Amino acid sequence: MGWATPYIAKLKDGETVSFRPRGNSMQGKIESGQLCTVEPISDFESLQKGDIVLCKVNGNEYIHLIKATQGKRFQIGNNRGRINGWISTNSIFGKCIKIED
């Protein structure tokens, strides 16, 4: 169980969630403590490079960027140059639609 587990459960039930992630890996896109609103994804084909998603990579939960796409695979990374890895649609739980203080 990770920090995002309760939000992932709600997204899987079709609910939109809001939370304040902590950390600096997305600095410049999301500052630590900003309120992020994430909605479930109904159309994975609409996801593209630059979208911010709530996902799981190698067992870890992240709200990170899609850095590249390859068919139904997505490369996930932060806003500081780190790449977390490639995942499929079943590891993406929602897309960030709003960031506010």
C-alpha atoms as a PDB file:
ATOM      1  CA  MET A   1       0.000   0.000   0.000  1.00  0.00           C
ATOM      2  CA  GLY A   2       1.398   3.369  -1.032  1.00  0.00           C
ATOM      3  CA  TRP A   3       0.528   7.024  -0.579  1.00  0.00           C
ATOM      4  CA  ALA A   4      -1.912   7.004  -3.539  1.00  0.00           C
ATOM      5  CA  THR A   5      -3.725   3.722  -2.804  1.00  0.00           C
ATOM      6  CA  PRO A   6      -6.967   5.348  -1.526  1.00  0.00           C
ATOM      7  CA  TYR A   7      -7.058   7.730  -4.510  1.00  0.00           C
ATOM      8  CA  ILE A   8      -6.455   4.888  -6.972  1.00  0.00           C
ATOM      9  CA  ALA A   9      -9.375   2.947  -5.448  1.00  0.00           C
ATOM     10  CA  LYS A  10     -11.687   5.931  -5.940  1.00  0.00           C
ATOM     11  CA  LEU A  11     -10.478   6.493  -9.514  1.00  0.00           C
ATOM     12  CA  LYS A  12     -11.165   2.823 -10.291  1.00  0.00           C
ATOM     13  CA  ASP A  13     -14.723   3.421  -9.026  1.00  0.00           C
ATOM     14  CA  GLY A  14     -15.088   6.323 -11.472  1.00  0.00           C
ATOM     15  CA  GLU A  15     -14.605   9.136  -8.961  1.00  0.00           C
ATOM     16  CA  THR A  16     -12.526  12.285  -9.506  1.00  0.00           C
ATOM     17  CA  VAL A  17     -10.063  12.871  -6.641  1.00  0.00           C
ATOM     18  CA  SER A  18      -8.025  15.786  -5.278  1.00  0.00           C
ATOM     19  CA  PHE A  19      -4.897  15.597  -3.134  1.00  0.00           C
ATOM     20  CA  ARG A  20      -1.718  17.504  -2.284  1.00  0.00           C
ATOM     21  CA  PRO A  21       1.380  15.510  -3.244  1.00  0.00           C
ATOM     22  CA  ARG A  22       4.639  16.278  -1.440  1.00  0.00           C
ATOM     23  CA  GLY A  23       8.099  16.285  -2.973  1.00  0.00           C
ATOM     24  CA  ASN A  24      10.118  18.075  -5.624  1.00  0.00           C
ATOM     25  CA  SER A  25      10.281  15.584  -8.503  1.00  0.00           C
ATOM     26  CA  MET A  26       7.605  17.462 -10.460  1.00  0.00           C
ATOM     27  CA  GLN A  27       8.823  20.965  -9.565  1.00  0.00           C
ATOM     28  CA  GLY A  28       7.981  23.395 -12.343  1.00  0.00           C
ATOM     29  CA  LYS A  29       4.750  21.514 -13.137  1.00  0.00           C
ATOM     30  CA  ILE A  30       3.510  20.660  -9.624  1.00  0.00           C
ATOM     31  CA  GLU A  31       5.022  22.346  -6.585  1.00  0.00           C
ATOM     32  CA  SER A  32       5.082  20.401  -3.318  1.00  0.00           C
ATOM     33  CA  GLY A  33       1.726  20.727  -1.579  1.00  0.00           C
ATOM     34  CA  GLN A  34      -0.265  22.102  -4.503  1.00  0.00           C
ATOM     35  CA  LEU A  35      -3.795  20.724  -4.919  1.00  0.00           C
ATOM     36  CA  CYS A  36      -4.002  18.296  -7.853  1.00  0.00           C
ATOM     37  CA  THR A  37      -7.325  17.171  -9.283  1.00  0.00           C
ATOM     38  CA  VAL A  38      -7.185  13.812 -11.087  1.00  0.00           C
ATOM     39  CA  GLU A  39     -10.014  12.252 -13.078  1.00  0.00           C
ATOM     40  CA  PRO A  40     -10.451   8.669 -14.278  1.00  0.00           C
ATOM     41  CA  ILE A  41      -9.359   8.005 -17.852  1.00  0.00           C
ATOM     42  CA  SER A  42     -12.112   6.947 -20.220  1.00  0.00           C
ATOM     43  CA  ASP A  43     -10.066   7.097 -23.420  1.00  0.00           C
ATOM     44  CA  PHE A  44      -6.451   5.922 -23.143  1.00  0.00           C
ATOM     45  CA  GLU A  45      -5.862   6.763 -26.813  1.00  0.00           C
ATOM     46  CA  SER A  46      -6.188  10.458 -25.897  1.00  0.00           C
ATOM     47  CA  LEU A  47      -3.152  10.287 -23.570  1.00  0.00           C
ATOM     48  CA  GLN A  48      -0.086  11.975 -24.973  1.00  0.00           C
ATOM     49  CA  LYS A  49       3.433  13.057 -24.157  1.00  0.00           C
ATOM     50  CA  GLY A  50       3.373  15.794 -21.516  1.00  0.00           C
ATOM     51  CA  ASP A  51       0.203  14.615 -19.749  1.00  0.00           C
ATOM     52  CA  ILE A  52       0.468  14.201 -15.969  1.00  0.00           C
ATOM     53  CA  VAL A  53      -0.938  10.889 -14.759  1.00  0.00           C
ATOM     54  CA  LEU A  54      -1.396   9.018 -11.498  1.00  0.00           C
ATOM     55  CA  CYS A  55       0.218   5.657 -12.153  1.00  0.00           C
ATOM     56  CA  LYS A  56       2.188   2.749 -10.772  1.00  0.00           C
ATOM     57  CA  VAL A  57       5.661   1.874 -12.091  1.00  0.00           C
ATOM     58  CA  ASN A  58       7.558  -1.125 -10.692  1.00  0.00           C
ATOM     59  CA  GLY A  59       5.275  -1.177  -7.641  1.00  0.00           C
ATOM     60  CA  ASN A  60       5.709   2.524  -6.830  1.00  0.00           C
ATOM     61  CA  GLU A  61       2.923   5.103  -7.120  1.00  0.00           C
ATOM     62  CA  TYR A  62       3.629   8.393  -8.890  1.00  0.00           C
ATOM     63  CA  ILE A  63       1.945  11.474 -10.211  1.00  0.00           C
ATOM     64  CA  HIS A  64       4.380  11.950 -13.084  1.00  0.00           C
ATOM     65  CA  LEU A  65       4.642  12.851 -16.741  1.00  0.00           C
ATOM     66  CA  ILE A  66       4.143  10.752 -19.811  1.00  0.00           C
ATOM     67  CA  LYS A  67       7.536  11.186 -21.466  1.00  0.00           C
ATOM     68  CA  ALA A  68       6.880   9.059 -24.571  1.00  0.00           C
ATOM     69  CA  THR A  69       4.261   6.756 -26.045  1.00  0.00           C
ATOM     70  CA  GLN A  70       4.636   3.579 -28.056  1.00  0.00           C
ATOM     71  CA  GLY A  71       1.288   2.109 -29.037  1.00  0.00           C
ATOM     72  CA  LYS A  72      -0.425   1.235 -25.752  1.00  0.00           C
ATOM     73  CA  ARG A  73       2.778   1.655 -23.744  1.00  0.00           C
ATOM     74  CA  PHE A  74       3.763   4.811 -21.906  1.00  0.00           C
ATOM     75  CA  GLN A  75       7.145   5.933 -20.617  1.00  0.00           C
ATOM     76  CA  ILE A  76       6.797   7.634 -17.231  1.00  0.00           C
ATOM     77  CA  GLY A  77       9.208  10.131 -15.698  1.00  0.00           C
ATOM     78  CA  ASN A  78       9.408  13.163 -13.464  1.00  0.00           C
ATOM     79  CA  ASN A  79      10.000  16.818 -14.394  1.00  0.00           C
ATOM     80  CA  ARG A  80      13.681  16.672 -13.442  1.00  0.00           C
ATOM     81  CA  GLY A  81      14.905  14.237 -16.080  1.00  0.00           C
ATOM     82  CA  ARG A  82      14.414  10.893 -14.313  1.00  0.00           C
ATOM     83  CA  ILE A  83      12.710   8.090 -16.209  1.00  0.00           C
ATOM     84  CA  ASN A  84      10.756   5.607 -14.078  1.00  0.00           C
ATOM     85  CA  GLY A  85      10.011   3.085 -16.835  1.00  0.00           C
ATOM     86  CA  TRP A  86       7.463   1.835 -19.358  1.00  0.00           C
ATOM     87  CA  ILE A  87       3.936   0.846 -18.336  1.00  0.00           C
ATOM     88  CA  SER A  88       0.703  -0.215 -20.017  1.00  0.00           C
ATOM     89  CA  THR A  89      -2.778   1.243 -19.635  1.00  0.00           C
ATOM     90  CA  ASN A  90      -3.608  -1.032 -16.682  1.00  0.00           C
ATOM     91  CA  SER A  91      -0.996   0.864 -14.593  1.00  0.00           C
ATOM     92  CA  ILE A  92      -2.445   4.325 -15.295  1.00  0.00           C
ATOM     93  CA  PHE A  93      -5.318   5.263 -13.006  1.00  0.00           C
ATOM     94  CA  GLY A  94      -6.076   8.901 -13.777  1.00  0.00           C
ATOM     95  CA  LYS A  95      -5.051  12.093 -15.521  1.00  0.00           C
ATOM     96  CA  CYS A  96      -4.332  15.363 -13.741  1.00  0.00           C
ATOM     97  CA  ILE A  97      -6.792  17.982 -15.001  1.00  0.00           C
ATOM     98  CA  LYS A  98      -6.133  20.861 -12.575  1.00  0.00           C
ATOM     99  CA  ILE A  99      -3.307  22.126 -10.361  1.00  0.00           C
ATOM    100  CA  GLU A 100      -3.948  24.934  -7.902  1.00  0.00           C
ATOM    101  CA  ASP A 101      -2.631  26.418  -4.666  1.00  0.00           C
END
